[in-house]
């Protein structure tokens, strides 16, 4: 792995993470390769993972692959909501970063690059434009707002699965929307609760900032040699999907999913390595309507009633 040069040394690669101990190291190194080397700083904030996963973090820290590490026990007060309050760790990772630029990523989001050697330097230069909030992508649904120039497009979305931005912009956007919530130690009412999006308060803050300030996420048009795919998979399944991804198997239908101004339909979201959400729903419906469906429902009802009888007997 090359030493940080030029723009790379000014980047904090930040993430909050839970689990994925068998594949986290490999994915972290994938991001290093995608960027062109280890960035100036790597920040990992744990979300109450098990002891084996935390031991893996410490090993990476000792090897110099992680520069700032925060781990917590699963019963820590900052983990009171589990994955529903992961925004606390997401915010913390960026807050303790010290470089002028941050690149947010999640372990279930896979990068790939061959060539495109100047993409990062180019992306950082665009962050000085008045109309650019961040450089990102990894969208699973049509997300284009309007065209930018050849090879790039604008979106009014911003995903923490992959987002490069000025750290100052990140903090300004978050505090403009949720400042009192954050300074209360995340104890006051979550402002994203009004739209039933509490879990995604940081991304809601980004999109509100984008709206208010007339700025956008700038997205690079993907090709087979430069992609960032969100898998929504974890542990062993993520490990297998990563192997397939690096071998470039079946990537065609997932390239540039976001590069469309069609109506985004959540049921049609595409996650690399997994069946479309709509297909899963159709299979469930088909199963319920098949000849085995009534038998399965009866079996579940019998099991539930037996559990209830057992509970009454014990009481």
C-alpha atoms as a PDB file:
ATOM      1  CA  UNK A   1       0.000   0.000   0.000  1.00  0.00           C
ATOM      2  CA  UNK A   2       1.461   3.366  -1.002  1.00  0.00           C
ATOM      3  CA  UNK A   3       2.003   6.223   1.431  1.00  0.00           C
ATOM      4  CA  UNK A   4      -0.575   9.034   1.470  1.00  0.00           C
ATOM      5  CA  UNK A   5       0.315  11.596  -1.189  1.00  0.00           C
ATOM      6  CA  UNK A   6      -1.278  14.850  -2.256  1.00  0.00           C
ATOM      7  CA  UNK A   7      -4.988  14.987  -1.487  1.00  0.00           C
ATOM      8  CA  UNK A   8      -4.974  11.595   0.241  1.00  0.00           C
ATOM      9  CA  UNK A   9      -3.194  12.892   3.336  1.00  0.00           C
ATOM     10  CA  UNK A  10      -6.007  15.415   3.908  1.00  0.00           C
ATOM     11  CA  UNK A  11      -8.750  12.777   4.159  1.00  0.00           C
ATOM     12  CA  UNK A  12     -10.233  11.098   7.221  1.00  0.00           C
ATOM     13  CA  UNK A  13     -11.856   7.787   6.248  1.00  0.00           C
ATOM     14  CA  UNK A  14     -14.625   7.378   8.826  1.00  0.00           C
ATOM     15  CA  UNK A  15     -17.169   4.716   9.689  1.00  0.00           C
ATOM     16  CA  UNK A  16     -19.353   3.337  12.428  1.00  0.00           C
ATOM     17  CA  UNK A  17     -19.479  -0.438  12.435  1.00  0.00           C
ATOM     18  CA  UNK A  18     -21.149  -3.450  13.990  1.00  0.00           C
ATOM     19  CA  UNK A  19     -19.863  -6.987  13.427  1.00  0.00           C
ATOM     20  CA  UNK A  20     -18.501  -8.242  10.091  1.00  0.00           C
ATOM     21  CA  UNK A  21     -15.335  -9.435  11.808  1.00  0.00           C
ATOM     22  CA  UNK A  22     -14.504 -11.946   9.064  1.00  0.00           C
ATOM     23  CA  UNK A  23     -14.504  -9.361   6.279  1.00  0.00           C
ATOM     24  CA  UNK A  24     -14.014  -5.871   7.778  1.00  0.00           C
ATOM     25  CA  UNK A  25     -10.215  -5.884   7.312  1.00  0.00           C
ATOM     26  CA  UNK A  26     -10.548  -6.860   3.651  1.00  0.00           C
ATOM     27  CA  UNK A  27     -13.141  -4.172   2.978  1.00  0.00           C
ATOM     28  CA  UNK A  28     -11.056  -1.516   4.724  1.00  0.00           C
ATOM     29  CA  UNK A  29      -8.136  -2.445   2.460  1.00  0.00           C
ATOM     30  CA  UNK A  30     -10.496  -2.318  -0.540  1.00  0.00           C
ATOM     31  CA  UNK A  31     -11.214   1.307   0.344  1.00  0.00           C
ATOM     32  CA  UNK A  32      -7.488   2.011   0.615  1.00  0.00           C
ATOM     33  CA  UNK A  33      -6.997   0.609  -2.894  1.00  0.00           C
ATOM     34  CA  UNK A  34      -9.959   2.600  -4.172  1.00  0.00           C
ATOM     35  CA  UNK A  35      -8.448   5.806  -2.793  1.00  0.00           C
ATOM     36  CA  UNK A  36      -4.915   5.021  -3.938  1.00  0.00           C
ATOM     37  CA  UNK A  37      -3.431   4.266  -0.511  1.00  0.00           C
ATOM     38  CA  UNK A  38      -4.109   4.624   3.195  1.00  0.00           C
ATOM     39  CA  UNK A  39      -5.598   8.072   3.793  1.00  0.00           C
ATOM     40  CA  UNK A  40      -4.227  10.543   6.314  1.00  0.00           C
ATOM     41  CA  UNK A  41      -6.517   9.230   9.043  1.00  0.00           C
ATOM     42  CA  UNK A  42      -8.813   6.234   9.576  1.00  0.00           C
ATOM     43  CA  UNK A  43     -11.526   6.551  12.233  1.00  0.00           C
ATOM     44  CA  UNK A  44     -13.666   3.614  13.380  1.00  0.00           C
ATOM     45  CA  UNK A  45     -16.403   3.914  16.007  1.00  0.00           C
ATOM     46  CA  UNK A  46     -17.849   0.593  17.138  1.00  0.00           C
ATOM     47  CA  UNK A  47     -21.562   0.053  17.770  1.00  0.00           C
ATOM     48  CA  UNK A  48     -21.331  -2.530  20.549  1.00  0.00           C
ATOM     49  CA  UNK A  49     -19.900  -5.469  18.607  1.00  0.00           C
ATOM     50  CA  UNK A  50     -18.921  -8.752  20.246  1.00  0.00           C
ATOM     51  CA  UNK A  51     -15.509  -9.331  21.838  1.00  0.00           C
ATOM     52  CA  UNK A  52     -14.077 -11.069  18.759  1.00  0.00           C
ATOM     53  CA  UNK A  53     -14.966  -8.147  16.502  1.00  0.00           C
ATOM     54  CA  UNK A  54     -13.507  -5.637  18.949  1.00  0.00           C
ATOM     55  CA  UNK A  55     -10.302  -7.701  19.140  1.00  0.00           C
ATOM     56  CA  UNK A  56     -10.106  -7.450  15.347  1.00  0.00           C
ATOM     57  CA  UNK A  57     -10.367  -3.648  15.588  1.00  0.00           C
ATOM     58  CA  UNK A  58      -7.541  -3.521  18.111  1.00  0.00           C
ATOM     59  CA  UNK A  59      -5.365  -5.648  15.855  1.00  0.00           C
ATOM     60  CA  UNK A  60      -5.946  -3.216  12.985  1.00  0.00           C
ATOM     61  CA  UNK A  61      -5.162  -0.329  15.331  1.00  0.00           C
ATOM     62  CA  UNK A  62      -1.891  -1.948  16.413  1.00  0.00           C
ATOM     63  CA  UNK A  63      -0.959  -2.483  12.766  1.00  0.00           C
ATOM     64  CA  UNK A  64      -1.524   1.203  12.031  1.00  0.00           C
ATOM     65  CA  UNK A  65      -4.493   0.565   9.738  1.00  0.00           C
ATOM     66  CA  UNK A  66      -6.842   2.377  12.146  1.00  0.00           C
ATOM     67  CA  UNK A  67      -5.712   5.670  13.703  1.00  0.00           C
ATOM     68  CA  UNK A  68      -8.637   6.487  15.991  1.00  0.00           C
ATOM     69  CA  UNK A  69     -10.789   3.779  17.524  1.00  0.00           C
ATOM     70  CA  UNK A  70     -13.710   3.941  19.928  1.00  0.00           C
ATOM     71  CA  UNK A  71     -15.351   0.754  21.171  1.00  0.00           C
ATOM     72  CA  UNK A  72     -18.356   0.408  23.460  1.00  0.00           C
ATOM     73  CA  UNK A  73     -20.135  -2.453  25.163  1.00  0.00           C
ATOM     74  CA  UNK A  74     -23.527  -3.416  23.782  1.00  0.00           C
ATOM     75  CA  UNK A  75     -25.211  -2.149  26.983  1.00  0.00           C
ATOM     76  CA  UNK A  76     -23.556   1.293  26.835  1.00  0.00           C
ATOM     77  CA  UNK A  77     -25.993   4.209  27.141  1.00  0.00           C
ATOM     78  CA  UNK A  78     -25.009   5.469  23.672  1.00  0.00           C
ATOM     79  CA  UNK A  79     -26.149   2.139  22.262  1.00  0.00           C
ATOM     80  CA  UNK A  80     -29.569   2.144  23.902  1.00  0.00           C
ATOM     81  CA  UNK A  81     -31.381   1.775  20.591  1.00  0.00           C
ATOM     82  CA  UNK A  82     -29.001  -0.617  18.851  1.00  0.00           C
ATOM     83  CA  UNK A  83     -29.069  -0.103  15.096  1.00  0.00           C
ATOM     84  CA  UNK A  84     -31.892   2.425  15.530  1.00  0.00           C
ATOM     85  CA  UNK A  85     -29.490   4.850  17.222  1.00  0.00           C
ATOM     86  CA  UNK A  86     -26.396   4.117  15.140  1.00  0.00           C
ATOM     87  CA  UNK A  87     -26.441   7.790  14.162  1.00  0.00           C
ATOM     88  CA  UNK A  88     -24.707   8.505  17.489  1.00  0.00           C
ATOM     89  CA  UNK A  89     -21.664   6.519  16.403  1.00  0.00           C
ATOM     90  CA  UNK A  90     -21.903   7.881  12.841  1.00  0.00           C
ATOM     91  CA  UNK A  91     -21.796  11.426  14.161  1.00  0.00           C
ATOM     92  CA  UNK A  92     -19.004  10.607  16.615  1.00  0.00           C
ATOM     93  CA  UNK A  93     -16.772   9.189  13.867  1.00  0.00           C
ATOM     94  CA  UNK A  94     -16.892  12.460  11.937  1.00  0.00           C
ATOM     95  CA  UNK A  95     -16.723  14.629  15.064  1.00  0.00           C
ATOM     96  CA  UNK A  96     -13.422  13.121  16.229  1.00  0.00           C
ATOM     97  CA  UNK A  97     -11.878  13.191  12.742  1.00  0.00           C
ATOM     98  CA  UNK A  98      -9.212  15.852  12.303  1.00  0.00           C
ATOM     99  CA  UNK A  99      -8.557  16.142   8.563  1.00  0.00           C
ATOM    100  CA  UNK A 100     -10.197  18.823   6.377  1.00  0.00           C
ATOM    101  CA  UNK A 101     -12.041  16.211   4.299  1.00  0.00           C
ATOM    102  CA  UNK A 102     -13.960  13.157   5.427  1.00  0.00           C
ATOM    103  CA  UNK A 103     -15.016  10.132   3.439  1.00  0.00           C
ATOM    104  CA  UNK A 104     -17.884   8.273   5.092  1.00  0.00           C
ATOM    105  CA  UNK A 105     -18.363   4.600   4.288  1.00  0.00           C
ATOM    106  CA  UNK A 106     -20.094   1.514   5.627  1.00  0.00           C
ATOM    107  CA  UNK A 107     -18.685  -1.998   5.555  1.00  0.00           C
ATOM    108  CA  UNK A 108     -21.575  -3.284   3.447  1.00  0.00           C
ATOM    109  CA  UNK A 109     -20.635  -0.888   0.639  1.00  0.00           C
ATOM    110  CA  UNK A 110     -17.998  -2.176  -1.768  1.00  0.00           C
ATOM    111  CA  UNK A 111     -15.671  -0.007  -3.894  1.00  0.00           C
ATOM    112  CA  UNK A 112     -13.737  -1.080  -6.982  1.00  0.00           C
ATOM    113  CA  UNK A 113     -11.249   0.791  -9.131  1.00  0.00           C
ATOM    114  CA  UNK A 114      -8.904  -0.047 -11.990  1.00  0.00           C
ATOM    115  CA  UNK A 115      -7.355   3.039 -13.542  1.00  0.00           C
ATOM    116  CA  UNK A 116      -9.211   6.312 -12.922  1.00  0.00           C
ATOM    117  CA  UNK A 117      -6.055   7.310 -11.037  1.00  0.00           C
ATOM    118  CA  UNK A 118      -6.974  10.987 -10.726  1.00  0.00           C
ATOM    119  CA  UNK A 119     -10.577  10.544  -9.617  1.00  0.00           C
ATOM    120  CA  UNK A 120      -9.939  11.499  -5.979  1.00  0.00           C
ATOM    121  CA  UNK A 121      -7.958  14.651  -6.744  1.00  0.00           C
ATOM    122  CA  UNK A 122     -10.646  15.647  -9.240  1.00  0.00           C
ATOM    123  CA  UNK A 123     -13.450  14.954  -6.754  1.00  0.00           C
ATOM    124  CA  UNK A 124     -11.820  17.027  -4.020  1.00  0.00           C
ATOM    125  CA  UNK A 125     -11.361  19.952  -6.404  1.00  0.00           C
ATOM    126  CA  UNK A 126     -15.113  19.933  -7.100  1.00  0.00           C
ATOM    127  CA  UNK A 127     -15.882  20.347  -3.390  1.00  0.00           C
ATOM    128  CA  UNK A 128     -14.864  23.997  -3.793  1.00  0.00           C
ATOM    129  CA  UNK A 129     -17.732  24.625  -6.206  1.00  0.00           C
ATOM    130  CA  UNK A 130     -20.607  26.664  -4.788  1.00  0.00           C
ATOM    131  CA  UNK A 131     -23.162  24.088  -5.958  1.00  0.00           C
ATOM    132  CA  UNK A 132     -21.451  20.960  -4.564  1.00  0.00           C
ATOM    133  CA  UNK A 133     -22.307  19.642  -1.112  1.00  0.00           C
ATOM    134  CA  UNK A 134     -20.508  16.304  -1.422  1.00  0.00           C
ATOM    135  CA  UNK A 135     -19.179  13.745  -3.868  1.00  0.00           C
ATOM    136  CA  UNK A 136     -20.902  10.402  -3.476  1.00  0.00           C
ATOM    137  CA  UNK A 137     -23.102   7.711  -4.922  1.00  0.00           C
ATOM    138  CA  UNK A 138     -23.742   3.999  -4.175  1.00  0.00           C
ATOM    139  CA  UNK A 139     -27.447   4.574  -4.838  1.00  0.00           C
ATOM    140  CA  UNK A 140     -29.876   1.666  -5.137  1.00  0.00           C
ATOM    141  CA  UNK A 141     -32.612   3.703  -6.820  1.00  0.00           C
ATOM    142  CA  UNK A 142     -32.788   6.405  -9.526  1.00  0.00           C
ATOM    143  CA  UNK A 143     -31.301   9.497  -7.874  1.00  0.00           C
ATOM    144  CA  UNK A 144     -30.272  11.941 -10.606  1.00  0.00           C
ATOM    145  CA  UNK A 145     -31.502  15.491 -10.179  1.00  0.00           C
ATOM    146  CA  UNK A 146     -29.840  16.942 -13.270  1.00  0.00           C
ATOM    147  CA  UNK A 147     -26.773  16.482 -15.458  1.00  0.00           C
ATOM    148  CA  UNK A 148     -23.480  18.099 -14.500  1.00  0.00           C
ATOM    149  CA  UNK A 149     -20.882  17.630 -17.251  1.00  0.00           C
ATOM    150  CA  UNK A 150     -19.505  14.638 -19.114  1.00  0.00           C
ATOM    151  CA  UNK A 151     -18.924  11.794 -16.677  1.00  0.00           C
ATOM    152  CA  UNK A 152     -20.757  13.380 -13.732  1.00  0.00           C
ATOM    153  CA  UNK A 153     -24.308  14.116 -12.564  1.00  0.00           C
ATOM    154  CA  UNK A 154     -26.008  15.881  -9.661  1.00  0.00           C
ATOM    155  CA  UNK A 155     -28.260  14.286  -7.041  1.00  0.00           C
ATOM    156  CA  UNK A 156     -30.294  15.803  -4.227  1.00  0.00           C
ATOM    157  CA  UNK A 157     -29.570  12.703  -2.125  1.00  0.00           C
ATOM    158  CA  UNK A 158     -26.568  11.973   0.065  1.00  0.00           C
ATOM    159  CA  UNK A 159     -25.802   8.550   1.506  1.00  0.00           C
ATOM    160  CA  UNK A 160     -23.406   7.802   4.346  1.00  0.00           C
ATOM    161  CA  UNK A 161     -22.612   4.549   2.557  1.00  0.00           C
ATOM    162  CA  UNK A 162     -20.261   6.623   0.393  1.00  0.00           C
ATOM    163  CA  UNK A 163     -19.864  10.375   0.794  1.00  0.00           C
ATOM    164  CA  UNK A 164     -16.794  12.581   0.445  1.00  0.00           C
ATOM    165  CA  UNK A 165     -17.146  16.124   1.765  1.00  0.00           C
ATOM    166  CA  UNK A 166     -15.453  18.891   3.667  1.00  0.00           C
ATOM    167  CA  UNK A 167     -15.589  18.116   7.366  1.00  0.00           C
ATOM    168  CA  UNK A 168     -16.750  21.676   8.023  1.00  0.00           C
ATOM    169  CA  UNK A 169     -19.682  21.185   5.633  1.00  0.00           C
ATOM    170  CA  UNK A 170     -20.626  17.918   7.329  1.00  0.00           C
ATOM    171  CA  UNK A 171     -20.726  19.521  10.766  1.00  0.00           C
ATOM    172  CA  UNK A 172     -22.552  22.625   9.541  1.00  0.00           C
ATOM    173  CA  UNK A 173     -25.288  20.560   7.869  1.00  0.00           C
ATOM    174  CA  UNK A 174     -25.805  18.267  10.856  1.00  0.00           C
ATOM    175  CA  UNK A 175     -25.890  21.034  13.455  1.00  0.00           C
ATOM    176  CA  UNK A 176     -28.122  23.266  11.345  1.00  0.00           C
ATOM    177  CA  UNK A 177     -30.792  20.557  11.418  1.00  0.00           C
ATOM    178  CA  UNK A 178     -30.157  18.718  14.680  1.00  0.00           C
ATOM    179  CA  UNK A 179     -27.899  20.962  16.759  1.00  0.00           C
ATOM    180  CA  UNK A 180     -29.902  20.947  19.978  1.00  0.00           C
ATOM    181  CA  UNK A 181     -30.523  17.204  19.659  1.00  0.00           C
ATOM    182  CA  UNK A 182     -26.777  16.599  19.440  1.00  0.00           C
ATOM    183  CA  UNK A 183     -25.749  19.026  22.188  1.00  0.00           C
ATOM    184  CA  UNK A 184     -28.316  17.417  24.494  1.00  0.00           C
ATOM    185  CA  UNK A 185     -26.344  14.201  24.190  1.00  0.00           C
ATOM    186  CA  UNK A 186     -29.021  12.858  21.827  1.00  0.00           C
ATOM    187  CA  UNK A 187     -31.582  13.025  24.657  1.00  0.00           C
ATOM    188  CA  UNK A 188     -33.977  15.645  23.280  1.00  0.00           C
ATOM    189  CA  UNK A 189     -36.526  14.873  20.590  1.00  0.00           C
ATOM    190  CA  UNK A 190     -34.980  13.649  17.353  1.00  0.00           C
ATOM    191  CA  UNK A 191     -35.976  16.206  14.666  1.00  0.00           C
ATOM    192  CA  UNK A 192     -36.260  13.439  12.050  1.00  0.00           C
ATOM    193  CA  UNK A 193     -38.974  11.800  14.139  1.00  0.00           C
ATOM    194  CA  UNK A 194     -41.505  14.176  12.596  1.00  0.00           C
ATOM    195  CA  UNK A 195     -41.194  12.273   9.310  1.00  0.00           C
ATOM    196  CA  UNK A 196     -40.668   8.833  10.882  1.00  0.00           C
ATOM    197  CA  UNK A 197     -37.004   8.843   9.853  1.00  0.00           C
ATOM    198  CA  UNK A 198     -35.314   8.987  13.259  1.00  0.00           C
ATOM    199  CA  UNK A 199     -32.810   6.289  12.352  1.00  0.00           C
ATOM    200  CA  UNK A 200     -31.616   8.344   9.369  1.00  0.00           C
ATOM    201  CA  UNK A 201     -31.390  11.725  11.068  1.00  0.00           C
ATOM    202  CA  UNK A 202     -27.945  12.514   9.633  1.00  0.00           C
ATOM    203  CA  UNK A 203     -28.958  11.791   6.055  1.00  0.00           C
ATOM    204  CA  UNK A 204     -32.187  13.747   6.574  1.00  0.00           C
ATOM    205  CA  UNK A 205     -30.010  16.636   7.788  1.00  0.00           C
ATOM    206  CA  UNK A 206     -27.928  16.408   4.609  1.00  0.00           C
ATOM    207  CA  UNK A 207     -30.964  16.465   2.351  1.00  0.00           C
ATOM    208  CA  UNK A 208     -32.519  19.373   4.235  1.00  0.00           C
ATOM    209  CA  UNK A 209     -29.250  21.296   3.883  1.00  0.00           C
ATOM    210  CA  UNK A 210     -29.122  20.471   0.166  1.00  0.00           C
ATOM    211  CA  UNK A 211     -32.659  21.820  -0.215  1.00  0.00           C
ATOM    212  CA  UNK A 212     -32.139  25.006   1.798  1.00  0.00           C
ATOM    213  CA  UNK A 213     -28.806  25.965   0.276  1.00  0.00           C
ATOM    214  CA  UNK A 214     -29.442  24.873  -3.316  1.00  0.00           C
ATOM    215  CA  UNK A 215     -26.458  22.523  -3.408  1.00  0.00           C
ATOM    216  CA  UNK A 216     -26.128  18.911  -4.554  1.00  0.00           C
ATOM    217  CA  UNK A 217     -24.225  15.672  -4.286  1.00  0.00           C
ATOM    218  CA  UNK A 218     -21.965  15.305  -7.306  1.00  0.00           C
ATOM    219  CA  UNK A 219     -21.827  11.707  -8.569  1.00  0.00           C
ATOM    220  CA  UNK A 220     -19.282  10.111 -10.874  1.00  0.00           C
ATOM    221  CA  UNK A 221     -20.791   8.047 -13.684  1.00  0.00           C
ATOM    222  CA  UNK A 222     -19.755   4.439 -13.100  1.00  0.00           C
ATOM    223  CA  UNK A 223     -18.134   2.051 -15.552  1.00  0.00           C
ATOM    224  CA  UNK A 224     -16.885  -1.544 -15.052  1.00  0.00           C
ATOM    225  CA  UNK A 225     -13.550  -0.179 -13.777  1.00  0.00           C
ATOM    226  CA  UNK A 226     -15.002   2.263 -11.225  1.00  0.00           C
ATOM    227  CA  UNK A 227     -18.005   1.291  -9.111  1.00  0.00           C
ATOM    228  CA  UNK A 228     -19.350   1.624  -5.574  1.00  0.00           C
ATOM    229  CA  UNK A 229     -22.151  -0.830  -4.746  1.00  0.00           C
ATOM    230  CA  UNK A 230     -24.253  -0.987  -1.585  1.00  0.00           C
ATOM    231  CA  UNK A 231     -24.974  -4.650  -0.771  1.00  0.00           C
ATOM    232  CA  UNK A 232     -27.032  -4.416   2.443  1.00  0.00           C
ATOM    233  CA  UNK A 233     -25.397  -7.732   3.414  1.00  0.00           C
ATOM    234  CA  UNK A 234     -23.240  -8.696   6.382  1.00  0.00           C
ATOM    235  CA  UNK A 235     -20.984 -11.383   7.861  1.00  0.00           C
ATOM    236  CA  UNK A 236     -20.451 -14.525   5.727  1.00  0.00           C
ATOM    237  CA  UNK A 237     -22.934 -13.417   3.090  1.00  0.00           C
ATOM    238  CA  UNK A 238     -21.054 -10.145   2.664  1.00  0.00           C
ATOM    239  CA  UNK A 239     -17.777 -12.062   2.384  1.00  0.00           C
ATOM    240  CA  UNK A 240     -19.140 -14.187  -0.467  1.00  0.00           C
ATOM    241  CA  UNK A 241     -20.681 -11.191  -2.220  1.00  0.00           C
ATOM    242  CA  UNK A 242     -17.375  -9.321  -2.014  1.00  0.00           C
ATOM    243  CA  UNK A 243     -15.533 -12.190  -3.740  1.00  0.00           C
ATOM    244  CA  UNK A 244     -18.091 -12.163  -6.535  1.00  0.00           C
ATOM    245  CA  UNK A 245     -17.909  -8.359  -6.762  1.00  0.00           C
ATOM    246  CA  UNK A 246     -14.129  -8.242  -7.093  1.00  0.00           C
ATOM    247  CA  UNK A 247     -14.369 -10.876  -9.833  1.00  0.00           C
ATOM    248  CA  UNK A 248     -16.788  -8.456 -11.582  1.00  0.00           C
ATOM    249  CA  UNK A 249     -19.515 -11.087 -11.788  1.00  0.00           C
ATOM    250  CA  UNK A 250     -23.014  -9.908 -12.666  1.00  0.00           C
ATOM    251  CA  UNK A 251     -22.267  -6.224 -12.137  1.00  0.00           C
ATOM    252  CA  UNK A 252     -23.868  -4.875 -15.315  1.00  0.00           C
ATOM    253  CA  UNK A 253     -27.426  -4.315 -14.082  1.00  0.00           C
ATOM    254  CA  UNK A 254     -26.168  -2.535 -10.942  1.00  0.00           C
ATOM    255  CA  UNK A 255     -23.882  -0.031 -12.665  1.00  0.00           C
ATOM    256  CA  UNK A 256     -25.322   3.512 -12.605  1.00  0.00           C
ATOM    257  CA  UNK A 257     -28.595   2.605 -10.901  1.00  0.00           C
ATOM    258  CA  UNK A 258     -28.619   6.165  -9.565  1.00  0.00           C
ATOM    259  CA  UNK A 259     -27.877   7.735 -12.969  1.00  0.00           C
ATOM    260  CA  UNK A 260     -31.541   8.103 -13.871  1.00  0.00           C
ATOM    261  CA  UNK A 261     -34.236  10.669 -13.240  1.00  0.00           C
ATOM    262  CA  UNK A 262     -37.011   8.049 -13.265  1.00  0.00           C
ATOM    263  CA  UNK A 263     -39.374   7.915 -10.298  1.00  0.00           C
ATOM    264  CA  UNK A 264     -37.605   6.074  -7.446  1.00  0.00           C
ATOM    265  CA  UNK A 265     -39.769   3.195  -6.210  1.00  0.00           C
ATOM    266  CA  UNK A 266     -38.422   1.736  -2.931  1.00  0.00           C
ATOM    267  CA  UNK A 267     -39.816  -1.717  -3.751  1.00  0.00           C
ATOM    268  CA  UNK A 268     -37.520  -1.792  -6.798  1.00  0.00           C
ATOM    269  CA  UNK A 269     -34.286  -1.066  -4.917  1.00  0.00           C
ATOM    270  CA  UNK A 270     -31.303  -3.031  -6.217  1.00  0.00           C
ATOM    271  CA  UNK A 271     -28.691  -4.442  -3.838  1.00  0.00           C
ATOM    272  CA  UNK A 272     -25.769  -6.207  -5.466  1.00  0.00           C
ATOM    273  CA  UNK A 273     -25.704  -9.907  -4.619  1.00  0.00           C
ATOM    274  CA  UNK A 274     -29.318 -10.019  -3.472  1.00  0.00           C
ATOM    275  CA  UNK A 275     -32.671 -10.500  -5.234  1.00  0.00           C
ATOM    276  CA  UNK A 276     -34.623  -7.292  -5.892  1.00  0.00           C
ATOM    277  CA  UNK A 277     -36.884  -6.299  -2.993  1.00  0.00           C
ATOM    278  CA  UNK A 278     -39.953  -6.594  -5.230  1.00  0.00           C
ATOM    279  CA  UNK A 279     -38.969 -10.154  -6.170  1.00  0.00           C
ATOM    280  CA  UNK A 280     -38.747 -11.168  -2.519  1.00  0.00           C
ATOM    281  CA  UNK A 281     -42.225  -9.755  -1.914  1.00  0.00           C
ATOM    282  CA  UNK A 282     -43.590 -11.568  -4.972  1.00  0.00           C
ATOM    283  CA  UNK A 283     -42.085 -14.842  -3.760  1.00  0.00           C
ATOM    284  CA  UNK A 284     -43.694 -14.381  -0.345  1.00  0.00           C
ATOM    285  CA  UNK A 285     -47.047 -13.708  -1.971  1.00  0.00           C
ATOM    286  CA  UNK A 286     -46.663 -16.686  -4.298  1.00  0.00           C
ATOM    287  CA  UNK A 287     -45.730 -18.920  -1.381  1.00  0.00           C
ATOM    288  CA  UNK A 288     -48.764 -17.787   0.577  1.00  0.00           C
ATOM    289  CA  UNK A 289     -51.029 -18.520  -2.388  1.00  0.00           C
ATOM    290  CA  UNK A 290     -49.472 -21.904  -3.230  1.00  0.00           C
ATOM    291  CA  UNK A 291     -50.870 -25.256  -2.119  1.00  0.00           C
ATOM    292  CA  UNK A 292     -48.413 -25.342   0.761  1.00  0.00           C
ATOM    293  CA  UNK A 293     -49.382 -21.861   1.972  1.00  0.00           C
ATOM    294  CA  UNK A 294     -52.532 -22.827   3.939  1.00  0.00           C
ATOM    295  CA  UNK A 295     -50.691 -25.768   5.516  1.00  0.00           C
ATOM    296  CA  UNK A 296     -47.822 -23.509   6.596  1.00  0.00           C
ATOM    297  CA  UNK A 297     -50.164 -20.929   8.124  1.00  0.00           C
ATOM    298  CA  UNK A 298     -52.044 -23.674  10.009  1.00  0.00           C
ATOM    299  CA  UNK A 299     -48.764 -25.084  11.291  1.00  0.00           C
ATOM    300  CA  UNK A 300     -47.696 -21.657  12.568  1.00  0.00           C
ATOM    301  CA  UNK A 301     -51.038 -21.157  14.295  1.00  0.00           C
ATOM    302  CA  UNK A 302     -50.794 -24.547  16.006  1.00  0.00           C
ATOM    303  CA  UNK A 303     -47.267 -23.796  17.167  1.00  0.00           C
ATOM    304  CA  UNK A 304     -48.323 -20.390  18.510  1.00  0.00           C
ATOM    305  CA  UNK A 305     -51.275 -21.870  20.398  1.00  0.00           C
ATOM    306  CA  UNK A 306     -49.055 -24.543  21.950  1.00  0.00           C
ATOM    307  CA  UNK A 307     -46.583 -21.927  23.090  1.00  0.00           C
ATOM    308  CA  UNK A 308     -49.469 -20.001  24.648  1.00  0.00           C
ATOM    309  CA  UNK A 309     -50.765 -23.109  26.438  1.00  0.00           C
ATOM    310  CA  UNK A 310     -47.290 -23.847  27.763  1.00  0.00           C
ATOM    311  CA  UNK A 311     -46.948 -20.299  29.067  1.00  0.00           C
ATOM    312  CA  UNK A 312     -50.254 -20.560  30.918  1.00  0.00           C
ATOM    313  CA  UNK A 313     -49.237 -23.907  32.429  1.00  0.00           C
ATOM    314  CA  UNK A 314     -45.974 -22.449  33.689  1.00  0.00           C
ATOM    315  CA  UNK A 315     -47.707 -19.409  35.169  1.00  0.00           C
END
